[in-house]
Amino acid sequence: MTAVALVFTLTGHASAAGPADAPHGALSCSGCHPADRTAQTTVPRLIGRNPADIVAAMQAFKSGQTPATVMDRIAKGFSDDEVKAIAAWYGAQKD
């Protein structure tokens, strides 16, 4: 029963983050980046942000220009095209 509840919890969280048309990797961002405007966190929201800002931030993390605890490693896992697709998708999302 616990496993079933966990599956429903995880799938509910993923679907709350965005529709099925999200590009590969986009929904993994919601594990740390909140969808809720009222979330109490220092991690910035991605929904509705300017895609160019997201791309620039990811490039800075990837190059080491911006110090990070984990985003530098995460950014290195995405190609430039994947980052652009994810940034465009998050930029198009509305609350």
PDB file of N, CA and C in Angstrom:
ATOM      1  N   MET A   1       0.821  -1.195   0.000  1.00  0.00           N
ATOM      2  CA  MET A   1       0.000   0.000   0.000  1.00  0.00           C
ATOM      3  C   MET A   1       0.867   1.261   0.000  1.00  0.00           C
ATOM      4  N   THR A   2       1.961   1.235   0.765  1.00  0.00           N
ATOM      5  CA  THR A   2       2.857   2.387   0.803  1.00  0.00           C
ATOM      6  C   THR A   2       3.437   2.662  -0.569  1.00  0.00           C
ATOM      7  N   ALA A   3       3.805   1.589  -1.297  1.00  0.00           N
ATOM      8  CA  ALA A   3       4.370   1.760  -2.639  1.00  0.00           C
ATOM      9  C   ALA A   3       3.359   2.412  -3.572  1.00  0.00           C
ATOM     10  N   VAL A   4       2.105   2.018  -3.469  1.00  0.00           N
ATOM     11  CA  VAL A   4       1.061   2.604  -4.308  1.00  0.00           C
ATOM     12  C   VAL A   4       0.903   4.085  -3.982  1.00  0.00           C
ATOM     13  N   ALA A   5       0.894   4.424  -2.711  1.00  0.00           N
ATOM     14  CA  ALA A   5       0.771   5.826  -2.312  1.00  0.00           C
ATOM     15  C   ALA A   5       1.953   6.639  -2.811  1.00  0.00           C
ATOM     16  N   LEU A   6       3.144   6.053  -2.754  1.00  0.00           N
ATOM     17  CA  LEU A   6       4.331   6.747  -3.233  1.00  0.00           C
ATOM     18  C   LEU A   6       4.248   6.999  -4.729  1.00  0.00           C
ATOM     19  N   VAL A   7       3.802   6.021  -5.488  1.00  0.00           N
ATOM     20  CA  VAL A   7       3.660   6.191  -6.937  1.00  0.00           C
ATOM     21  C   VAL A   7       2.677   7.305  -7.243  1.00  0.00           C
ATOM     22  N   PHE A   8       1.543   7.330  -6.564  1.00  0.00           N
ATOM     23  CA  PHE A   8       0.565   8.389  -6.801  1.00  0.00           C
ATOM     24  C   PHE A   8       1.119   9.746  -6.398  1.00  0.00           C
ATOM     25  N   THR A   9       1.883   9.793  -5.329  1.00  0.00           N
ATOM     26  CA  THR A   9       2.495  11.049  -4.900  1.00  0.00           C
ATOM     27  C   THR A   9       3.474  11.550  -5.939  1.00  0.00           C
ATOM     28  N   LEU A  10       4.328  10.674  -6.438  1.00  0.00           N
ATOM     29  CA  LEU A  10       5.330  11.085  -7.418  1.00  0.00           C
ATOM     30  C   LEU A  10       4.706  11.471  -8.749  1.00  0.00           C
ATOM     31  N   THR A  11       3.738  10.706  -9.214  1.00  0.00           N
ATOM     32  CA  THR A  11       3.116  11.049 -10.489  1.00  0.00           C
ATOM     33  C   THR A  11       2.283  12.313 -10.363  1.00  0.00           C
ATOM     34  N   GLY A  12       1.668  12.529  -9.227  1.00  0.00           N
ATOM     35  CA  GLY A  12       0.912  13.757  -9.012  1.00  0.00           C
ATOM     36  C   GLY A  12       1.817  14.967  -9.030  1.00  0.00           C
ATOM     37  N   HIS A  13       3.001  14.833  -8.446  1.00  0.00           N
ATOM     38  CA  HIS A  13       3.965  15.937  -8.427  1.00  0.00           C
ATOM     39  C   HIS A  13       4.434  16.252  -9.840  1.00  0.00           C
ATOM     40  N   ALA A  14       4.726  15.228 -10.609  1.00  0.00           N
ATOM     41  CA  ALA A  14       5.212  15.449 -11.976  1.00  0.00           C
ATOM     42  C   ALA A  14       4.144  16.103 -12.839  1.00  0.00           C
ATOM     43  N   SER A  15       2.902  15.661 -12.708  1.00  0.00           N
ATOM     44  CA  SER A  15       1.860  16.241 -13.544  1.00  0.00           C
ATOM     45  C   SER A  15       1.542  17.670 -13.121  1.00  0.00           C
ATOM     46  N   ALA A  16       1.752  17.986 -11.850  1.00  0.00           N
ATOM     47  CA  ALA A  16       1.524  19.356 -11.404  1.00  0.00           C
ATOM     48  C   ALA A  16       2.574  20.295 -11.978  1.00  0.00           C
ATOM     49  N   ALA A  17       3.741  19.753 -12.318  1.00  0.00           N
ATOM     50  CA  ALA A  17       4.828  20.584 -12.823  1.00  0.00           C
ATOM     51  C   ALA A  17       4.604  21.017 -14.254  1.00  0.00           C
ATOM     52  N   GLY A  18       3.842  20.274 -15.028  1.00  0.00           N
ATOM     53  CA  GLY A  18       3.605  20.673 -16.399  1.00  0.00           C
ATOM     54  C   GLY A  18       2.995  19.573 -17.223  1.00  0.00           C
ATOM     55  N   PRO A  19       2.566  19.927 -18.423  1.00  0.00           N
ATOM     56  CA  PRO A  19       1.904  18.970 -19.299  1.00  0.00           C
ATOM     57  C   PRO A  19       2.871  17.957 -19.899  1.00  0.00           C
ATOM     58  N   ALA A  20       2.302  16.988 -20.556  1.00  0.00           N
ATOM     59  CA  ALA A  20       3.083  15.896 -21.141  1.00  0.00           C
ATOM     60  C   ALA A  20       3.976  16.350 -22.288  1.00  0.00           C
ATOM     61  N   ASP A  21       3.788  17.558 -22.785  1.00  0.00           N
ATOM     62  CA  ASP A  21       4.614  18.023 -23.906  1.00  0.00           C
ATOM     63  C   ASP A  21       5.938  18.641 -23.458  1.00  0.00           C
ATOM     64  N   ALA A  22       6.272  18.501 -22.191  1.00  0.00           N
ATOM     65  CA  ALA A  22       7.533  19.046 -21.682  1.00  0.00           C
ATOM     66  C   ALA A  22       8.707  18.344 -22.353  1.00  0.00           C
ATOM     67  N   PRO A  23       9.750  19.092 -22.718  1.00  0.00           N
ATOM     68  CA  PRO A  23      10.916  18.462 -23.332  1.00  0.00           C
ATOM     69  C   PRO A  23      11.654  17.583 -22.330  1.00  0.00           C
ATOM     70  N   HIS A  24      12.439  16.671 -22.854  1.00  0.00           N
ATOM     71  CA  HIS A  24      13.210  15.754 -22.020  1.00  0.00           C
ATOM     72  C   HIS A  24      14.001  16.527 -20.968  1.00  0.00           C
ATOM     73  N   GLY A  25      13.863  16.121 -19.719  1.00  0.00           N
ATOM     74  CA  GLY A  25      14.606  16.735 -18.628  1.00  0.00           C
ATOM     75  C   GLY A  25      13.908  17.876 -17.923  1.00  0.00           C
ATOM     76  N   ALA A  26      12.899  18.457 -18.533  1.00  0.00           N
ATOM     77  CA  ALA A  26      12.266  19.652 -17.958  1.00  0.00           C
ATOM     78  C   ALA A  26      11.579  19.383 -16.625  1.00  0.00           C
ATOM     79  N   LEU A  27      10.891  18.277 -16.516  1.00  0.00           N
ATOM     80  CA  LEU A  27      10.144  18.019 -15.291  1.00  0.00           C
ATOM     81  C   LEU A  27      11.055  17.699 -14.116  1.00  0.00           C
ATOM     82  N   SER A  28      12.281  17.276 -14.389  1.00  0.00           N
ATOM     83  CA  SER A  28      13.207  17.010 -13.285  1.00  0.00           C
ATOM     84  C   SER A  28      13.563  18.302 -12.549  1.00  0.00           C
ATOM     85  N   CYS A  29      13.453  19.431 -13.211  1.00  0.00           N
ATOM     86  CA  CYS A  29      13.760  20.726 -12.583  1.00  0.00           C
ATOM     87  C   CYS A  29      12.819  21.012 -11.416  1.00  0.00           C
ATOM     88  N   SER A  30      11.589  20.508 -11.519  1.00  0.00           N
ATOM     89  CA  SER A  30      10.583  20.812 -10.504  1.00  0.00           C
ATOM     90  C   SER A  30      10.874  20.148  -9.165  1.00  0.00           C
ATOM     91  N   GLY A  31      11.856  19.260  -9.125  1.00  0.00           N
ATOM     92  CA  GLY A  31      12.244  18.677  -7.850  1.00  0.00           C
ATOM     93  C   GLY A  31      12.806  19.721  -6.894  1.00  0.00           C
ATOM     94  N   CYS A  32      13.414  20.759  -7.441  1.00  0.00           N
ATOM     95  CA  CYS A  32      13.993  21.840  -6.616  1.00  0.00           C
ATOM     96  C   CYS A  32      13.367  23.200  -6.906  1.00  0.00           C
ATOM     97  N   HIS A  33      13.071  23.470  -8.176  1.00  0.00           N
ATOM     98  CA  HIS A  33      12.524  24.772  -8.569  1.00  0.00           C
ATOM     99  C   HIS A  33      11.013  24.744  -8.397  1.00  0.00           C
ATOM    100  N   PRO A  34      10.478  25.580  -7.499  1.00  0.00           N
ATOM    101  CA  PRO A  34       9.054  25.519  -7.173  1.00  0.00           C
ATOM    102  C   PRO A  34       8.150  26.035  -8.294  1.00  0.00           C
ATOM    103  N   ALA A  35       6.975  25.451  -8.371  1.00  0.00           N
ATOM    104  CA  ALA A  35       5.953  25.932  -9.298  1.00  0.00           C
ATOM    105  C   ALA A  35       5.077  26.977  -8.608  1.00  0.00           C
ATOM    106  N   ASP A  36       4.994  26.894  -7.306  1.00  0.00           N
ATOM    107  CA  ASP A  36       4.122  27.749  -6.503  1.00  0.00           C
ATOM    108  C   ASP A  36       4.800  29.084  -6.185  1.00  0.00           C
ATOM    109  N   ARG A  37       4.117  30.173  -6.490  1.00  0.00           N
ATOM    110  CA  ARG A  37       4.663  31.511  -6.211  1.00  0.00           C
ATOM    111  C   ARG A  37       4.896  31.752  -4.719  1.00  0.00           C
ATOM    112  N   THR A  38       4.150  31.069  -3.875  1.00  0.00           N
ATOM    113  CA  THR A  38       4.245  31.314  -2.436  1.00  0.00           C
ATOM    114  C   THR A  38       5.262  30.408  -1.750  1.00  0.00           C
ATOM    115  N   ALA A  39       5.962  29.577  -2.495  1.00  0.00           N
ATOM    116  CA  ALA A  39       6.941  28.663  -1.895  1.00  0.00           C
ATOM    117  C   ALA A  39       8.043  29.449  -1.194  1.00  0.00           C
ATOM    118  N   GLN A  40       8.387  29.010  -0.011  1.00  0.00           N
ATOM    119  CA  GLN A  40       9.448  29.639   0.781  1.00  0.00           C
ATOM    120  C   GLN A  40      10.767  28.940   0.450  1.00  0.00           C
ATOM    121  N   THR A  41      11.501  29.450  -0.535  1.00  0.00           N
ATOM    122  CA  THR A  41      12.752  28.828  -0.950  1.00  0.00           C
ATOM    123  C   THR A  41      13.668  29.867  -1.586  1.00  0.00           C
ATOM    124  N   THR A  42      14.943  29.582  -1.561  1.00  0.00           N
ATOM    125  CA  THR A  42      15.905  30.455  -2.236  1.00  0.00           C
ATOM    126  C   THR A  42      16.135  30.014  -3.672  1.00  0.00           C
ATOM    127  N   VAL A  43      15.571  28.868  -4.049  1.00  0.00           N
ATOM    128  CA  VAL A  43      15.705  28.360  -5.417  1.00  0.00           C
ATOM    129  C   VAL A  43      14.694  29.097  -6.293  1.00  0.00           C
ATOM    130  N   PRO A  44      15.144  29.719  -7.377  1.00  0.00           N
ATOM    131  CA  PRO A  44      14.221  30.526  -8.190  1.00  0.00           C
ATOM    132  C   PRO A  44      13.202  29.691  -8.962  1.00  0.00           C
ATOM    133  N   ARG A  45      12.041  30.290  -9.163  1.00  0.00           N
ATOM    134  CA  ARG A  45      11.016  29.681 -10.011  1.00  0.00           C
ATOM    135  C   ARG A  45      11.465  29.781 -11.454  1.00  0.00           C
ATOM    136  N   LEU A  46      11.120  28.802 -12.260  1.00  0.00           N
ATOM    137  CA  LEU A  46      11.438  28.831 -13.686  1.00  0.00           C
ATOM    138  C   LEU A  46      10.223  29.181 -14.530  1.00  0.00           C
ATOM    139  N   ILE A  47       9.043  28.898 -14.017  1.00  0.00           N
ATOM    140  CA  ILE A  47       7.808  29.124 -14.760  1.00  0.00           C
ATOM    141  C   ILE A  47       7.655  30.605 -15.094  1.00  0.00           C
ATOM    142  N   GLY A  48       7.475  30.887 -16.393  1.00  0.00           N
ATOM    143  CA  GLY A  48       7.257  32.249 -16.844  1.00  0.00           C
ATOM    144  C   GLY A  48       8.504  33.108 -16.957  1.00  0.00           C
ATOM    145  N   ARG A  49       9.659  32.539 -16.670  1.00  0.00           N
ATOM    146  CA  ARG A  49      10.900  33.330 -16.774  1.00  0.00           C
ATOM    147  C   ARG A  49      11.290  33.518 -18.229  1.00  0.00           C
ATOM    148  N   ASN A  50      12.075  34.531 -18.486  1.00  0.00           N
ATOM    149  CA  ASN A  50      12.597  34.775 -19.827  1.00  0.00           C
ATOM    150  C   ASN A  50      13.526  33.615 -20.197  1.00  0.00           C
ATOM    151  N   PRO A  51      13.249  32.909 -21.297  1.00  0.00           N
ATOM    152  CA  PRO A  51      14.096  31.779 -21.689  1.00  0.00           C
ATOM    153  C   PRO A  51      15.571  32.144 -21.837  1.00  0.00           C
ATOM    154  N   ALA A  52      15.860  33.350 -22.324  1.00  0.00           N
ATOM    155  CA  ALA A  52      17.258  33.770 -22.477  1.00  0.00           C
ATOM    156  C   ALA A  52      17.966  33.828 -21.125  1.00  0.00           C
ATOM    157  N   ASP A  53      17.246  34.197 -20.076  1.00  0.00           N
ATOM    158  CA  ASP A  53      17.834  34.236 -18.735  1.00  0.00           C
ATOM    159  C   ASP A  53      18.150  32.829 -18.235  1.00  0.00           C
ATOM    160  N   ILE A  54      17.259  31.892 -18.516  1.00  0.00           N
ATOM    161  CA  ILE A  54      17.491  30.501 -18.108  1.00  0.00           C
ATOM    162  C   ILE A  54      18.694  29.938 -18.850  1.00  0.00           C
ATOM    163  N   VAL A  55      18.764  30.170 -20.154  1.00  0.00           N
ATOM    164  CA  VAL A  55      19.893  29.686 -20.958  1.00  0.00           C
ATOM    165  C   VAL A  55      21.197  30.290 -20.448  1.00  0.00           C
ATOM    166  N   ALA A  56      21.208  31.591 -20.192  1.00  0.00           N
ATOM    167  CA  ALA A  56      22.420  32.258 -19.704  1.00  0.00           C
ATOM    168  C   ALA A  56      22.862  31.689 -18.356  1.00  0.00           C
ATOM    169  N   ALA A  57      21.908  31.449 -17.472  1.00  0.00           N
ATOM    170  CA  ALA A  57      22.237  30.886 -16.161  1.00  0.00           C
ATOM    171  C   ALA A  57      22.818  29.481 -16.306  1.00  0.00           C
ATOM    172  N   MET A  58      22.205  28.670 -17.164  1.00  0.00           N
ATOM    173  CA  MET A  58      22.708  27.306 -17.370  1.00  0.00           C
ATOM    174  C   MET A  58      24.104  27.321 -17.979  1.00  0.00           C
ATOM    175  N   GLN A  59      24.356  28.220 -18.912  1.00  0.00           N
ATOM    176  CA  GLN A  59      25.690  28.328 -19.511  1.00  0.00           C
ATOM    177  C   GLN A  59      26.718  28.752 -18.464  1.00  0.00           C
ATOM    178  N   ALA A  60      26.336  29.667 -17.589  1.00  0.00           N
ATOM    179  CA  ALA A  60      27.244  30.127 -16.538  1.00  0.00           C
ATOM    180  C   ALA A  60      27.544  29.009 -15.534  1.00  0.00           C
ATOM    181  N   PHE A  61      26.532  28.207 -15.213  1.00  0.00           N
ATOM    182  CA  PHE A  61      26.766  27.058 -14.336  1.00  0.00           C
ATOM    183  C   PHE A  61      27.675  26.041 -15.022  1.00  0.00           C
ATOM    184  N   LYS A  62      27.381  25.760 -16.291  1.00  0.00           N
ATOM    185  CA  LYS A  62      28.133  24.755 -17.047  1.00  0.00           C
ATOM    186  C   LYS A  62      29.605  25.140 -17.179  1.00  0.00           C
ATOM    187  N   SER A  63      29.888  26.410 -17.391  1.00  0.00           N
ATOM    188  CA  SER A  63      31.266  26.874 -17.588  1.00  0.00           C
ATOM    189  C   SER A  63      32.021  27.071 -16.275  1.00  0.00           C
ATOM    190  N   GLY A  64      31.286  27.091 -15.168  1.00  0.00           N
ATOM    191  CA  GLY A  64      31.910  27.340 -13.874  1.00  0.00           C
ATOM    192  C   GLY A  64      31.976  28.813 -13.517  1.00  0.00           C
ATOM    193  N   GLN A  65      31.431  29.664 -14.380  1.00  0.00           N
ATOM    194  CA  GLN A  65      31.418  31.109 -14.129  1.00  0.00           C
ATOM    195  C   GLN A  65      30.595  31.440 -12.886  1.00  0.00           C
ATOM    196  N   THR A  66      29.488  30.710 -12.693  1.00  0.00           N
ATOM    197  CA  THR A  66      28.646  30.900 -11.519  1.00  0.00           C
ATOM    198  C   THR A  66      28.878  29.738 -10.562  1.00  0.00           C
ATOM    199  N   PRO A  67      29.352  30.020  -9.344  1.00  0.00           N
ATOM    200  CA  PRO A  67      29.564  28.948  -8.371  1.00  0.00           C
ATOM    201  C   PRO A  67      28.234  28.297  -7.998  1.00  0.00           C
ATOM    202  N   ALA A  68      28.273  27.002  -7.745  1.00  0.00           N
ATOM    203  CA  ALA A  68      27.044  26.286  -7.415  1.00  0.00           C
ATOM    204  C   ALA A  68      27.350  25.063  -6.569  1.00  0.00           C
ATOM    205  N   THR A  69      26.326  24.589  -5.882  1.00  0.00           N
ATOM    206  CA  THR A  69      26.477  23.349  -5.127  1.00  0.00           C
ATOM    207  C   THR A  69      26.182  22.145  -6.005  1.00  0.00           C
ATOM    208  N   VAL A  70      25.120  22.216  -6.805  1.00  0.00           N
ATOM    209  CA  VAL A  70      24.790  21.095  -7.696  1.00  0.00           C
ATOM    210  C   VAL A  70      24.483  21.517  -9.129  1.00  0.00           C
ATOM    211  N   MET A  71      24.088  22.759  -9.343  1.00  0.00           N
ATOM    212  CA  MET A  71      23.664  23.168 -10.684  1.00  0.00           C
ATOM    213  C   MET A  71      24.783  23.076 -11.713  1.00  0.00           C
ATOM    214  N   ASP A  72      26.024  23.220 -11.298  1.00  0.00           N
ATOM    215  CA  ASP A  72      27.125  23.082 -12.251  1.00  0.00           C
ATOM    216  C   ASP A  72      27.167  21.675 -12.830  1.00  0.00           C
ATOM    217  N   ARG A  73      26.955  20.684 -11.986  1.00  0.00           N
ATOM    218  CA  ARG A  73      26.949  19.289 -12.459  1.00  0.00           C
ATOM    219  C   ARG A  73      25.694  18.984 -13.263  1.00  0.00           C
ATOM    220  N   ILE A  74      24.565  19.511 -12.834  1.00  0.00           N
ATOM    221  CA  ILE A  74      23.313  19.291 -13.561  1.00  0.00           C
ATOM    222  C   ILE A  74      23.398  19.917 -14.947  1.00  0.00           C
ATOM    223  N   ALA A  75      23.892  21.137 -15.038  1.00  0.00           N
ATOM    224  CA  ALA A  75      23.980  21.847 -16.324  1.00  0.00           C
ATOM    225  C   ALA A  75      24.845  21.093 -17.321  1.00  0.00           C
ATOM    226  N   LYS A  76      25.904  20.471 -16.849  1.00  0.00           N
ATOM    227  CA  LYS A  76      26.797  19.723 -17.742  1.00  0.00           C
ATOM    228  C   LYS A  76      26.124  18.496 -18.346  1.00  0.00           C
ATOM    229  N   GLY A  77      25.008  18.067 -17.767  1.00  0.00           N
ATOM    230  CA  GLY A  77      24.286  16.902 -18.264  1.00  0.00           C
ATOM    231  C   GLY A  77      23.343  17.197 -19.420  1.00  0.00           C
ATOM    232  N   PHE A  78      23.204  18.464 -19.791  1.00  0.00           N
ATOM    233  CA  PHE A  78      22.299  18.852 -20.871  1.00  0.00           C
ATOM    234  C   PHE A  78      23.074  19.483 -22.019  1.00  0.00           C
ATOM    235  N   SER A  79      22.674  19.135 -23.241  1.00  0.00           N
ATOM    236  CA  SER A  79      23.264  19.788 -24.417  1.00  0.00           C
ATOM    237  C   SER A  79      22.699  21.205 -24.519  1.00  0.00           C
ATOM    238  N   ASP A  80      23.325  22.027 -25.347  1.00  0.00           N
ATOM    239  CA  ASP A  80      22.824  23.393 -25.549  1.00  0.00           C
ATOM    240  C   ASP A  80      21.406  23.379 -26.105  1.00  0.00           C
ATOM    241  N   ASP A  81      21.122  22.454 -27.022  1.00  0.00           N
ATOM    242  CA  ASP A  81      19.774  22.364 -27.595  1.00  0.00           C
ATOM    243  C   ASP A  81      18.749  21.951 -26.543  1.00  0.00           C
ATOM    244  N   GLU A  82      19.122  21.026 -25.662  1.00  0.00           N
ATOM    245  CA  GLU A  82      18.201  20.618 -24.596  1.00  0.00           C
ATOM    246  C   GLU A  82      17.925  21.783 -23.650  1.00  0.00           C
ATOM    247  N   VAL A  83      18.954  22.532 -23.304  1.00  0.00           N
ATOM    248  CA  VAL A  83      18.780  23.695 -22.423  1.00  0.00           C
ATOM    249  C   VAL A  83      17.845  24.709 -23.070  1.00  0.00           C
ATOM    250  N   LYS A  84      18.031  24.975 -24.351  1.00  0.00           N
ATOM    251  CA  LYS A  84      17.164  25.934 -25.053  1.00  0.00           C
ATOM    252  C   LYS A  84      15.717  25.457 -25.074  1.00  0.00           C
ATOM    253  N   ALA A  85      15.511  24.163 -25.302  1.00  0.00           N
ATOM    254  CA  ALA A  85      14.151  23.614 -25.338  1.00  0.00           C
ATOM    255  C   ALA A  85      13.495  23.703 -23.965  1.00  0.00           C
ATOM    256  N   ILE A  86      14.240  23.361 -22.929  1.00  0.00           N
ATOM    257  CA  ILE A  86      13.708  23.432 -21.566  1.00  0.00           C
ATOM    258  C   ILE A  86      13.399  24.881 -21.197  1.00  0.00           C
ATOM    259  N   ALA A  87      14.307  25.790 -21.524  1.00  0.00           N
ATOM    260  CA  ALA A  87      14.108  27.213 -21.214  1.00  0.00           C
ATOM    261  C   ALA A  87      12.880  27.764 -21.933  1.00  0.00           C
ATOM    262  N   ALA A  88      12.721  27.412 -23.197  1.00  0.00           N
ATOM    263  CA  ALA A  88      11.556  27.880 -23.961  1.00  0.00           C
ATOM    264  C   ALA A  88      10.268  27.338 -23.362  1.00  0.00           C
ATOM    265  N   TRP A  89      10.291  26.071 -22.970  1.00  0.00           N
ATOM    266  CA  TRP A  89       9.092  25.453 -22.394  1.00  0.00           C
ATOM    267  C   TRP A  89       8.724  26.134 -21.075  1.00  0.00           C
ATOM    268  N   TYR A  90       9.698  26.320 -20.179  1.00  0.00           N
ATOM    269  CA  TYR A  90       9.403  26.978 -18.900  1.00  0.00           C
ATOM    270  C   TYR A  90       8.960  28.420 -19.121  1.00  0.00           C
ATOM    271  N   GLY A  91       9.561  29.099 -20.072  1.00  0.00           N
ATOM    272  CA  GLY A  91       9.168  30.474 -20.360  1.00  0.00           C
ATOM    273  C   GLY A  91       7.733  30.594 -20.836  1.00  0.00           C
ATOM    274  N   ALA A  92       7.241  29.558 -21.500  1.00  0.00           N
ATOM    275  CA  ALA A  92       5.874  29.567 -22.026  1.00  0.00           C
ATOM    276  C   ALA A  92       4.831  29.148 -20.993  1.00  0.00           C
ATOM    277  N   GLN A  93       5.265  28.598 -19.866  1.00  0.00           N
ATOM    278  CA  GLN A  93       4.321  28.141 -18.845  1.00  0.00           C
ATOM    279  C   GLN A  93       3.740  29.333 -18.097  1.00  0.00           C
ATOM    280  N   LYS A  94       2.493  29.221 -17.765  1.00  0.00           N
ATOM    281  CA  LYS A  94       1.789  30.271 -17.017  1.00  0.00           C
ATOM    282  C   LYS A  94       1.297  29.701 -15.702  1.00  0.00           C
ATOM    283  N   ASP A  95       1.147  30.566 -14.712  1.00  0.00           N
ATOM    284  CA  ASP A  95       0.611  30.136 -13.405  1.00  0.00           C
ATOM    285  C   ASP A  95      -0.823  29.725 -13.521  1.00  0.00           C
TER     286      ASP A  95
END
